[in-house]
Amino acid sequence: MSLKNDIIDNIRRHVQTEYDMPEIRLEAVSYDNPLSEFVETSRFVGGDALILKDGEDINTVIRTLYPDAVTIASNMPEITVATCNPDEADDPHSLNGIDLAVVKGEIGVAENGCVWIPQNVRQKAIYFIAENLVIILDKNKIVNNMHEAYEHIADTGYGFGVFISGPSKTADIEQALVIGAHGAKSVMVIL
């Protein structure tokens, strides 16, 4: 038996009074307009978000937003500006140098501007290795807070998934903020 188990067993032997778990009631934040709050918060965390207008072509919008992108990766059939499909890559290292990745998000969170992205590509490295990231998200799938987001994904049986909120960033003790340090330099959510 391990030392850890010895310690746990010893604690159990010495517990004299047991208490029921308390009922936890969370007063989580909610918004009158989660969609507009999501857009505003996305910008606050260094990313951006825009709502696609009726009749607006998503491929034209992407090309307009990223005119210099040469290598655009996406496995979404409706993204016709894609120059490669990341699902065809056997080695995630081969995705290095992707200018723009266009991926599908499942849930947006107004509270912090993040988007839940379950692994819906073969190589999950695409979420982090691309220079720029565009997340396509249904504007009707914005929730108020992380508690609501976790309720939505609790029973989905996902393997890998990630919440992404704006571009990669880090700051040191001298308060120098670096954008794009460990991942995408920019994140655009198209709703």
C-alpha atoms as a PDB file:
ATOM      1  CA  MET A   1       0.000   0.000   0.000  1.00  0.00           C
ATOM      2  CA  SER A   2       1.273   3.448  -0.788  1.00  0.00           C
ATOM      3  CA  LEU A   3       1.990   6.199   1.686  1.00  0.00           C
ATOM      4  CA  LYS A   4      -0.861   8.190   0.144  1.00  0.00           C
ATOM      5  CA  ASN A   5      -3.354   5.398   0.870  1.00  0.00           C
ATOM      6  CA  ASP A   6      -1.994   5.036   4.406  1.00  0.00           C
ATOM      7  CA  ILE A   7      -2.608   8.711   5.047  1.00  0.00           C
ATOM      8  CA  ILE A   8      -6.138   8.631   3.587  1.00  0.00           C
ATOM      9  CA  ASP A   9      -7.037   5.513   5.598  1.00  0.00           C
ATOM     10  CA  ASN A  10      -5.688   7.121   8.753  1.00  0.00           C
ATOM     11  CA  ILE A  11      -7.830  10.215   8.167  1.00  0.00           C
ATOM     12  CA  ARG A  12     -10.929   8.057   7.594  1.00  0.00           C
ATOM     13  CA  ARG A  13     -10.353   6.165  10.864  1.00  0.00           C
ATOM     14  CA  HIS A  14     -10.189   9.410  12.828  1.00  0.00           C
ATOM     15  CA  VAL A  15     -13.232  11.188  11.384  1.00  0.00           C
ATOM     16  CA  GLN A  16     -15.755  11.362  14.194  1.00  0.00           C
ATOM     17  CA  THR A  17     -18.515  13.470  12.693  1.00  0.00           C
ATOM     18  CA  GLU A  18     -19.659  13.381   9.102  1.00  0.00           C
ATOM     19  CA  TYR A  19     -21.514  16.251   7.474  1.00  0.00           C
ATOM     20  CA  ASP A  20     -23.713  16.342   4.402  1.00  0.00           C
ATOM     21  CA  MET A  21     -22.367  18.264   1.466  1.00  0.00           C
ATOM     22  CA  PRO A  22     -23.788  21.777   1.475  1.00  0.00           C
ATOM     23  CA  GLU A  23     -26.043  22.884  -1.341  1.00  0.00           C
ATOM     24  CA  ILE A  24     -24.077  25.340  -3.413  1.00  0.00           C
ATOM     25  CA  ARG A  25     -26.010  28.109  -5.078  1.00  0.00           C
ATOM     26  CA  LEU A  26     -24.042  30.162  -7.516  1.00  0.00           C
ATOM     27  CA  GLU A  27     -25.149  33.621  -8.446  1.00  0.00           C
ATOM     28  CA  ALA A  28     -23.325  33.615 -11.750  1.00  0.00           C
ATOM     29  CA  VAL A  29     -23.235  36.657 -13.966  1.00  0.00           C
ATOM     30  CA  SER A  30     -25.881  37.019 -16.643  1.00  0.00           C
ATOM     31  CA  TYR A  31     -26.454  39.659 -19.291  1.00  0.00           C
ATOM     32  CA  ASP A  32     -29.460  41.274 -20.940  1.00  0.00           C
ATOM     33  CA  ASN A  33     -27.764  40.764 -24.311  1.00  0.00           C
ATOM     34  CA  PRO A  34     -25.156  37.968 -24.156  1.00  0.00           C
ATOM     35  CA  LEU A  35     -24.341  38.368 -27.860  1.00  0.00           C
ATOM     36  CA  SER A  36     -23.296  42.021 -27.621  1.00  0.00           C
ATOM     37  CA  GLU A  37     -21.464  41.301 -24.355  1.00  0.00           C
ATOM     38  CA  PHE A  38     -19.574  38.477 -26.084  1.00  0.00           C
ATOM     39  CA  VAL A  39     -18.486  40.792 -28.920  1.00  0.00           C
ATOM     40  CA  GLU A  40     -17.348  43.479 -26.468  1.00  0.00           C
ATOM     41  CA  THR A  41     -15.508  41.038 -24.211  1.00  0.00           C
ATOM     42  CA  SER A  42     -13.798  39.378 -27.195  1.00  0.00           C
ATOM     43  CA  ARG A  43     -12.304  42.751 -28.073  1.00  0.00           C
ATOM     44  CA  PHE A  44     -11.360  43.421 -24.452  1.00  0.00           C
ATOM     45  CA  VAL A  45      -9.266  40.220 -24.303  1.00  0.00           C
ATOM     46  CA  GLY A  46      -7.338  41.163 -27.446  1.00  0.00           C
ATOM     47  CA  GLY A  47      -9.385  39.296 -30.019  1.00  0.00           C
ATOM     48  CA  ASP A  48     -12.242  40.446 -32.172  1.00  0.00           C
ATOM     49  CA  ALA A  49     -15.720  39.319 -33.103  1.00  0.00           C
ATOM     50  CA  LEU A  50     -18.113  40.293 -35.836  1.00  0.00           C
ATOM     51  CA  ILE A  51     -21.649  39.356 -36.660  1.00  0.00           C
ATOM     52  CA  LEU A  52     -22.096  38.218 -40.244  1.00  0.00           C
ATOM     53  CA  LYS A  53     -24.817  40.228 -41.960  1.00  0.00           C
ATOM     54  CA  ASP A  54     -27.677  38.572 -43.819  1.00  0.00           C
ATOM     55  CA  GLY A  55     -26.536  37.589 -47.292  1.00  0.00           C
ATOM     56  CA  GLU A  56     -22.863  38.295 -46.523  1.00  0.00           C
ATOM     57  CA  ASP A  57     -20.467  35.660 -47.856  1.00  0.00           C
ATOM     58  CA  ILE A  58     -18.226  34.282 -45.132  1.00  0.00           C
ATOM     59  CA  ASN A  59     -15.420  33.525 -47.603  1.00  0.00           C
ATOM     60  CA  THR A  60     -15.381  37.115 -48.841  1.00  0.00           C
ATOM     61  CA  VAL A  61     -15.284  38.353 -45.242  1.00  0.00           C
ATOM     62  CA  ILE A  62     -12.354  36.068 -44.402  1.00  0.00           C
ATOM     63  CA  ARG A  63     -10.442  37.102 -47.524  1.00  0.00           C
ATOM     64  CA  THR A  64     -11.112  40.790 -46.731  1.00  0.00           C
ATOM     65  CA  LEU A  65      -9.968  40.406 -43.113  1.00  0.00           C
ATOM     66  CA  TYR A  66      -6.820  38.459 -44.048  1.00  0.00           C
ATOM     67  CA  PRO A  67      -5.766  39.642 -47.530  1.00  0.00           C
ATOM     68  CA  ASP A  68      -2.140  38.581 -47.020  1.00  0.00           C
ATOM     69  CA  ALA A  69      -2.906  35.021 -45.878  1.00  0.00           C
ATOM     70  CA  VAL A  70      -1.356  32.608 -48.343  1.00  0.00           C
ATOM     71  CA  THR A  71      -1.896  29.311 -46.533  1.00  0.00           C
ATOM     72  CA  ILE A  72      -5.428  28.959 -45.157  1.00  0.00           C
ATOM     73  CA  ALA A  73      -6.316  25.703 -43.440  1.00  0.00           C
ATOM     74  CA  SER A  74      -9.850  24.484 -42.831  1.00  0.00           C
ATOM     75  CA  ASN A  75     -11.759  21.216 -42.933  1.00  0.00           C
ATOM     76  CA  MET A  76     -15.117  22.998 -43.132  1.00  0.00           C
ATOM     77  CA  PRO A  77     -16.698  22.395 -46.565  1.00  0.00           C
ATOM     78  CA  GLU A  78     -18.276  25.870 -46.656  1.00  0.00           C
ATOM     79  CA  ILE A  79     -14.852  27.552 -46.318  1.00  0.00           C
ATOM     80  CA  THR A  80     -13.885  27.671 -49.968  1.00  0.00           C
ATOM     81  CA  VAL A  81     -10.959  30.083 -49.453  1.00  0.00           C
ATOM     82  CA  ALA A  82      -9.053  27.286 -47.713  1.00  0.00           C
ATOM     83  CA  THR A  83      -5.881  26.283 -49.520  1.00  0.00           C
ATOM     84  CA  CYS A  84      -5.374  23.106 -47.485  1.00  0.00           C
ATOM     85  CA  ASN A  85      -7.255  20.684 -45.287  1.00  0.00           C
ATOM     86  CA  PRO A  86      -5.533  20.082 -41.919  1.00  0.00           C
ATOM     87  CA  ASP A  87      -7.149  16.632 -41.752  1.00  0.00           C
ATOM     88  CA  GLU A  88      -4.846  15.513 -44.556  1.00  0.00           C
ATOM     89  CA  ALA A  89      -1.727  16.147 -42.446  1.00  0.00           C
ATOM     90  CA  ASP A  90      -0.203  12.968 -41.006  1.00  0.00           C
ATOM     91  CA  ASP A  91       2.272  14.906 -38.882  1.00  0.00           C
ATOM     92  CA  PRO A  92       1.138  17.946 -36.861  1.00  0.00           C
ATOM     93  CA  HIS A  93       4.577  19.521 -37.427  1.00  0.00           C
ATOM     94  CA  SER A  94       3.738  19.814 -41.112  1.00  0.00           C
ATOM     95  CA  LEU A  95       1.106  22.425 -40.184  1.00  0.00           C
ATOM     96  CA  ASN A  96       3.810  24.863 -39.109  1.00  0.00           C
ATOM     97  CA  GLY A  97       3.652  27.963 -41.282  1.00  0.00           C
ATOM     98  CA  ILE A  98      -0.130  28.069 -41.658  1.00  0.00           C
ATOM     99  CA  ASP A  99      -1.099  31.728 -42.015  1.00  0.00           C
ATOM    100  CA  LEU A 100      -4.738  31.251 -41.068  1.00  0.00           C
ATOM    101  CA  ALA A 101      -6.812  28.417 -39.628  1.00  0.00           C
ATOM    102  CA  VAL A 102     -10.594  28.544 -39.865  1.00  0.00           C
ATOM    103  CA  VAL A 103     -12.261  26.265 -37.321  1.00  0.00           C
ATOM    104  CA  LYS A 104     -15.722  25.622 -35.913  1.00  0.00           C
ATOM    105  CA  GLY A 105     -16.608  26.643 -32.368  1.00  0.00           C
ATOM    106  CA  GLU A 106     -19.495  25.179 -30.409  1.00  0.00           C
ATOM    107  CA  ILE A 107     -20.284  27.555 -27.528  1.00  0.00           C
ATOM    108  CA  GLY A 108     -19.347  31.171 -26.848  1.00  0.00           C
ATOM    109  CA  VAL A 109     -19.185  32.617 -23.336  1.00  0.00           C
ATOM    110  CA  ALA A 110     -20.168  36.266 -22.865  1.00  0.00           C
ATOM    111  CA  GLU A 111     -18.466  36.495 -19.468  1.00  0.00           C
ATOM    112  CA  ASN A 112     -14.930  36.096 -20.821  1.00  0.00           C
ATOM    113  CA  GLY A 113     -15.174  36.044 -24.616  1.00  0.00           C
ATOM    114  CA  CYS A 114     -14.047  32.449 -24.896  1.00  0.00           C
ATOM    115  CA  VAL A 115     -15.242  29.815 -27.341  1.00  0.00           C
ATOM    116  CA  TRP A 116     -15.467  26.076 -26.663  1.00  0.00           C
ATOM    117  CA  ILE A 117     -13.848  24.112 -29.469  1.00  0.00           C
ATOM    118  CA  PRO A 118     -14.052  20.327 -29.261  1.00  0.00           C
ATOM    119  CA  GLN A 119     -11.498  18.553 -31.400  1.00  0.00           C
ATOM    120  CA  ASN A 120     -13.171  18.565 -34.783  1.00  0.00           C
ATOM    121  CA  VAL A 121      -9.961  18.288 -36.807  1.00  0.00           C
ATOM    122  CA  ARG A 122      -7.538  15.400 -37.042  1.00  0.00           C
ATOM    123  CA  GLN A 123      -4.533  17.394 -35.800  1.00  0.00           C
ATOM    124  CA  LYS A 124      -5.493  19.572 -32.818  1.00  0.00           C
ATOM    125  CA  ALA A 125      -2.190  21.419 -33.215  1.00  0.00           C
ATOM    126  CA  ILE A 126      -3.913  23.574 -35.847  1.00  0.00           C
ATOM    127  CA  TYR A 127      -5.661  25.503 -33.047  1.00  0.00           C
ATOM    128  CA  PHE A 128      -2.308  26.648 -31.683  1.00  0.00           C
ATOM    129  CA  ILE A 129       0.210  26.552 -34.514  1.00  0.00           C
ATOM    130  CA  ALA A 130      -1.570  28.821 -37.012  1.00  0.00           C
ATOM    131  CA  GLU A 131      -0.461  32.449 -37.092  1.00  0.00           C
ATOM    132  CA  ASN A 132      -4.079  33.617 -37.064  1.00  0.00           C
ATOM    133  CA  LEU A 133      -7.275  31.874 -36.051  1.00  0.00           C
ATOM    134  CA  VAL A 134     -10.835  32.417 -37.241  1.00  0.00           C
ATOM    135  CA  ILE A 135     -13.530  30.673 -35.230  1.00  0.00           C
ATOM    136  CA  ILE A 136     -16.932  30.241 -36.844  1.00  0.00           C
ATOM    137  CA  LEU A 137     -19.655  30.244 -34.179  1.00  0.00           C
ATOM    138  CA  ASP A 138     -23.456  30.207 -34.335  1.00  0.00           C
ATOM    139  CA  LYS A 139     -24.580  33.484 -32.743  1.00  0.00           C
ATOM    140  CA  ASN A 140     -27.428  31.607 -31.047  1.00  0.00           C
ATOM    141  CA  LYS A 141     -24.940  29.533 -29.068  1.00  0.00           C
ATOM    142  CA  ILE A 142     -23.703  32.278 -26.746  1.00  0.00           C
ATOM    143  CA  VAL A 143     -24.172  31.602 -23.032  1.00  0.00           C
ATOM    144  CA  ASN A 144     -23.774  34.042 -20.152  1.00  0.00           C
ATOM    145  CA  ASN A 145     -21.035  32.393 -18.111  1.00  0.00           C
ATOM    146  CA  MET A 146     -18.714  29.423 -17.711  1.00  0.00           C
ATOM    147  CA  HIS A 147     -21.202  27.583 -15.475  1.00  0.00           C
ATOM    148  CA  GLU A 148     -23.698  27.535 -18.329  1.00  0.00           C
ATOM    149  CA  ALA A 149     -20.992  26.522 -20.797  1.00  0.00           C
ATOM    150  CA  TYR A 150     -19.976  23.539 -18.669  1.00  0.00           C
ATOM    151  CA  GLU A 151     -23.627  22.483 -18.384  1.00  0.00           C
ATOM    152  CA  HIS A 152     -23.791  22.378 -22.202  1.00  0.00           C
ATOM    153  CA  ILE A 153     -20.664  20.258 -22.617  1.00  0.00           C
ATOM    154  CA  ALA A 154     -21.083  18.023 -19.552  1.00  0.00           C
ATOM    155  CA  ASP A 155     -22.579  15.053 -21.383  1.00  0.00           C
ATOM    156  CA  THR A 156     -21.099  15.465 -24.831  1.00  0.00           C
ATOM    157  CA  GLY A 157     -18.449  12.756 -24.492  1.00  0.00           C
ATOM    158  CA  TYR A 158     -15.740  14.850 -26.099  1.00  0.00           C
ATOM    159  CA  GLY A 159     -12.113  13.692 -26.066  1.00  0.00           C
ATOM    160  CA  PHE A 160     -10.007  16.812 -26.441  1.00  0.00           C
ATOM    161  CA  GLY A 161     -11.498  20.272 -26.260  1.00  0.00           C
ATOM    162  CA  VAL A 162     -10.287  23.757 -25.482  1.00  0.00           C
ATOM    163  CA  PHE A 163     -11.709  27.124 -24.506  1.00  0.00           C
ATOM    164  CA  ILE A 164      -9.982  29.871 -26.492  1.00  0.00           C
ATOM    165  CA  SER A 165     -10.345  33.501 -25.466  1.00  0.00           C
ATOM    166  CA  GLY A 166      -8.571  35.917 -27.771  1.00  0.00           C
ATOM    167  CA  PRO A 167      -5.038  35.481 -29.068  1.00  0.00           C
ATOM    168  CA  SER A 168      -2.258  33.822 -27.129  1.00  0.00           C
ATOM    169  CA  LYS A 169      -0.739  36.209 -24.613  1.00  0.00           C
ATOM    170  CA  THR A 170       1.682  36.304 -21.733  1.00  0.00           C
ATOM    171  CA  ALA A 171       3.072  39.010 -19.481  1.00  0.00           C
ATOM    172  CA  ASP A 172       6.199  39.053 -17.358  1.00  0.00           C
ATOM    173  CA  ILE A 173       6.868  40.567 -13.975  1.00  0.00           C
ATOM    174  CA  GLU A 174       7.784  43.866 -15.631  1.00  0.00           C
ATOM    175  CA  GLN A 175       4.246  43.973 -17.059  1.00  0.00           C
ATOM    176  CA  ALA A 176       5.344  43.635 -20.669  1.00  0.00           C
ATOM    177  CA  LEU A 177       2.459  42.001 -22.542  1.00  0.00           C
ATOM    178  CA  VAL A 178       3.340  39.795 -25.501  1.00  0.00           C
ATOM    179  CA  ILE A 179       0.575  38.795 -27.909  1.00  0.00           C
ATOM    180  CA  GLY A 180       0.989  35.585 -29.889  1.00  0.00           C
ATOM    181  CA  ALA A 181       3.610  34.141 -27.566  1.00  0.00           C
ATOM    182  CA  HIS A 182       2.336  30.556 -27.500  1.00  0.00           C
ATOM    183  CA  GLY A 183      -0.249  30.410 -30.234  1.00  0.00           C
ATOM    184  CA  ALA A 184      -2.237  32.497 -32.656  1.00  0.00           C
ATOM    185  CA  LYS A 185      -1.315  36.179 -32.915  1.00  0.00           C
ATOM    186  CA  SER A 186      -4.917  37.074 -33.646  1.00  0.00           C
ATOM    187  CA  VAL A 187      -8.305  35.476 -33.060  1.00  0.00           C
ATOM    188  CA  MET A 188     -11.429  36.553 -34.911  1.00  0.00           C
ATOM    189  CA  VAL A 189     -14.806  35.046 -34.049  1.00  0.00           C
ATOM    190  CA  ILE A 190     -17.299  35.263 -36.895  1.00  0.00           C
ATOM    191  CA  LEU A 191     -20.829  34.853 -35.615  1.00  0.00           C
END
